[in-house]
């Protein structure tokens, strides 16, 4: 799907721009070698459902599609980058564009 291509493009970009593959750690910024992407999906209860795709930089498009279709582990999201999917209904408010501790999001 288009989302799989978007995830792969983000992973390639983060690998090529290490300063973007980072997270805020209070008083310093930590850069990462591996690319883990959090997928944020709005829920009907006005919250977000978060799942993490780990080592996306090493995955093929087929592997990304399979990982997105699999239930995620019960561990908390720990991505180095976030992709926020738009809600199914029209936006009633604008949320933060970067979810801490992510250094970047889309």
C-alpha atoms as a PDB file:
ATOM      1  CA  UNK A   1       0.000   0.000   0.000  1.00  0.00           C
ATOM      2  CA  UNK A   2       0.969   3.657  -0.142  1.00  0.00           C
ATOM      3  CA  UNK A   3       1.592   3.554   3.618  1.00  0.00           C
ATOM      4  CA  UNK A   4       4.214   0.832   3.194  1.00  0.00           C
ATOM      5  CA  UNK A   5       6.059   2.987   0.646  1.00  0.00           C
ATOM      6  CA  UNK A   6       5.817   5.988   2.983  1.00  0.00           C
ATOM      7  CA  UNK A   7       7.269   3.977   5.875  1.00  0.00           C
ATOM      8  CA  UNK A   8      10.108   2.659   3.685  1.00  0.00           C
ATOM      9  CA  UNK A   9      10.872   6.152   2.340  1.00  0.00           C
ATOM     10  CA  UNK A  10      11.002   7.513   5.897  1.00  0.00           C
ATOM     11  CA  UNK A  11      13.363   4.694   6.946  1.00  0.00           C
ATOM     12  CA  UNK A  12      15.718   5.339   4.019  1.00  0.00           C
ATOM     13  CA  UNK A  13      15.690   9.061   4.771  1.00  0.00           C
ATOM     14  CA  UNK A  14      16.368   8.544   8.486  1.00  0.00           C
ATOM     15  CA  UNK A  15      19.284   6.254   7.657  1.00  0.00           C
ATOM     16  CA  UNK A  16      20.687   8.916   5.301  1.00  0.00           C
ATOM     17  CA  UNK A  17      20.172  11.785   7.761  1.00  0.00           C
ATOM     18  CA  UNK A  18      21.271  10.446  11.156  1.00  0.00           C
ATOM     19  CA  UNK A  19      20.518  13.763  12.899  1.00  0.00           C
ATOM     20  CA  UNK A  20      16.825  13.176  12.150  1.00  0.00           C
ATOM     21  CA  UNK A  21      16.911   9.644  13.591  1.00  0.00           C
ATOM     22  CA  UNK A  22      17.023  10.954  17.138  1.00  0.00           C
ATOM     23  CA  UNK A  23      14.971  11.553  20.256  1.00  0.00           C
ATOM     24  CA  UNK A  24      14.856  14.192  22.972  1.00  0.00           C
ATOM     25  CA  UNK A  25      16.303  12.953  26.259  1.00  0.00           C
ATOM     26  CA  UNK A  26      15.684  15.953  28.508  1.00  0.00           C
ATOM     27  CA  UNK A  27      18.924  17.887  28.320  1.00  0.00           C
ATOM     28  CA  UNK A  28      20.483  16.113  25.324  1.00  0.00           C
ATOM     29  CA  UNK A  29      19.562  14.525  21.985  1.00  0.00           C
ATOM     30  CA  UNK A  30      20.281  10.843  21.411  1.00  0.00           C
ATOM     31  CA  UNK A  31      20.972   9.713  17.836  1.00  0.00           C
ATOM     32  CA  UNK A  32      20.239   6.110  16.855  1.00  0.00           C
ATOM     33  CA  UNK A  33      21.763   3.703  14.373  1.00  0.00           C
ATOM     34  CA  UNK A  34      18.643   1.516  14.020  1.00  0.00           C
ATOM     35  CA  UNK A  35      15.390   2.895  12.637  1.00  0.00           C
ATOM     36  CA  UNK A  36      12.233   2.099  14.618  1.00  0.00           C
ATOM     37  CA  UNK A  37       9.048   3.845  13.454  1.00  0.00           C
ATOM     38  CA  UNK A  38       5.967   4.385  15.608  1.00  0.00           C
ATOM     39  CA  UNK A  39       2.691   4.297  13.683  1.00  0.00           C
ATOM     40  CA  UNK A  40       0.092   6.505  15.398  1.00  0.00           C
ATOM     41  CA  UNK A  41      -3.533   5.836  14.494  1.00  0.00           C
ATOM     42  CA  UNK A  42      -6.404   7.947  15.880  1.00  0.00           C
ATOM     43  CA  UNK A  43      -9.026   5.974  17.792  1.00  0.00           C
ATOM     44  CA  UNK A  44     -12.727   6.663  18.159  1.00  0.00           C
ATOM     45  CA  UNK A  45     -12.168   7.568  21.817  1.00  0.00           C
ATOM     46  CA  UNK A  46     -10.139  10.673  20.820  1.00  0.00           C
ATOM     47  CA  UNK A  47      -6.880   8.921  21.696  1.00  0.00           C
ATOM     48  CA  UNK A  48      -4.068   7.352  19.719  1.00  0.00           C
ATOM     49  CA  UNK A  49      -3.215   3.732  19.089  1.00  0.00           C
ATOM     50  CA  UNK A  50       0.565   3.354  18.834  1.00  0.00           C
ATOM     51  CA  UNK A  51       2.561   0.464  17.419  1.00  0.00           C
ATOM     52  CA  UNK A  52       6.285   0.232  16.711  1.00  0.00           C
ATOM     53  CA  UNK A  53       7.901  -1.280  13.631  1.00  0.00           C
ATOM     54  CA  UNK A  54      11.461  -2.180  14.600  1.00  0.00           C
ATOM     55  CA  UNK A  55      14.493  -2.176  12.279  1.00  0.00           C
ATOM     56  CA  UNK A  56      12.431  -0.781   9.402  1.00  0.00           C
ATOM     57  CA  UNK A  57      15.642   0.238   7.637  1.00  0.00           C
ATOM     58  CA  UNK A  58      16.412  -3.457   7.039  1.00  0.00           C
ATOM     59  CA  UNK A  59      12.897  -4.477   5.914  1.00  0.00           C
ATOM     60  CA  UNK A  60      11.557  -4.983   2.412  1.00  0.00           C
ATOM     61  CA  UNK A  61       8.150  -3.567   1.444  1.00  0.00           C
ATOM     62  CA  UNK A  62       6.646  -7.052   1.857  1.00  0.00           C
ATOM     63  CA  UNK A  63       8.081  -7.337   5.369  1.00  0.00           C
ATOM     64  CA  UNK A  64       6.758  -3.876   6.278  1.00  0.00           C
ATOM     65  CA  UNK A  65       3.266  -4.836   5.075  1.00  0.00           C
ATOM     66  CA  UNK A  66       3.381  -8.079   7.083  1.00  0.00           C
ATOM     67  CA  UNK A  67       4.634  -6.291  10.209  1.00  0.00           C
ATOM     68  CA  UNK A  68       1.890  -3.667   9.948  1.00  0.00           C
ATOM     69  CA  UNK A  69      -0.690  -6.442   9.716  1.00  0.00           C
ATOM     70  CA  UNK A  70       0.636  -8.292  12.755  1.00  0.00           C
ATOM     71  CA  UNK A  71      -0.422  -7.440  16.278  1.00  0.00           C
ATOM     72  CA  UNK A  72       2.307  -5.458  18.004  1.00  0.00           C
ATOM     73  CA  UNK A  73       3.898  -6.513  21.250  1.00  0.00           C
ATOM     74  CA  UNK A  74       2.624  -5.219  24.567  1.00  0.00           C
ATOM     75  CA  UNK A  75       5.773  -3.128  25.107  1.00  0.00           C
ATOM     76  CA  UNK A  76       5.314   0.645  25.008  1.00  0.00           C
ATOM     77  CA  UNK A  77       6.070   2.441  21.734  1.00  0.00           C
ATOM     78  CA  UNK A  78       9.789   3.150  21.401  1.00  0.00           C
ATOM     79  CA  UNK A  79      10.284   4.401  17.876  1.00  0.00           C
ATOM     80  CA  UNK A  80      12.890   6.906  16.790  1.00  0.00           C
ATOM     81  CA  UNK A  81      10.375   8.521  14.406  1.00  0.00           C
ATOM     82  CA  UNK A  82       6.572   8.724  14.276  1.00  0.00           C
ATOM     83  CA  UNK A  83       4.115   8.630  11.398  1.00  0.00           C
ATOM     84  CA  UNK A  84       0.661   9.891  12.353  1.00  0.00           C
ATOM     85  CA  UNK A  85      -2.218   8.628  10.235  1.00  0.00           C
ATOM     86  CA  UNK A  86      -5.074  11.056   9.623  1.00  0.00           C
ATOM     87  CA  UNK A  87      -8.400  10.341  11.340  1.00  0.00           C
ATOM     88  CA  UNK A  88     -11.266   8.896   9.314  1.00  0.00           C
ATOM     89  CA  UNK A  89     -13.467  11.866  10.206  1.00  0.00           C
ATOM     90  CA  UNK A  90     -12.626  15.548   9.671  1.00  0.00           C
ATOM     91  CA  UNK A  91     -10.143  17.053  12.110  1.00  0.00           C
ATOM     92  CA  UNK A  92     -11.756  18.901  14.997  1.00  0.00           C
ATOM     93  CA  UNK A  93      -8.446  20.078  16.409  1.00  0.00           C
ATOM     94  CA  UNK A  94      -4.791  20.059  15.524  1.00  0.00           C
ATOM     95  CA  UNK A  95      -2.503  17.865  17.592  1.00  0.00           C
ATOM     96  CA  UNK A  96       1.190  18.413  18.257  1.00  0.00           C
ATOM     97  CA  UNK A  97       3.236  17.673  15.180  1.00  0.00           C
ATOM     98  CA  UNK A  98       6.025  15.964  17.155  1.00  0.00           C
ATOM     99  CA  UNK A  99       5.263  13.452  19.887  1.00  0.00           C
ATOM    100  CA  UNK A 100       8.031  13.550  22.520  1.00  0.00           C
ATOM    101  CA  UNK A 101      10.564  11.995  22.728  1.00  0.00           C
ATOM    102  CA  UNK A 102      10.647  11.732  18.903  1.00  0.00           C
ATOM    103  CA  UNK A 103      12.918  14.234  17.220  1.00  0.00           C
ATOM    104  CA  UNK A 104      10.792  14.158  14.041  1.00  0.00           C
ATOM    105  CA  UNK A 105       7.426  12.971  12.844  1.00  0.00           C
ATOM    106  CA  UNK A 106       5.310  12.920   9.721  1.00  0.00           C
END
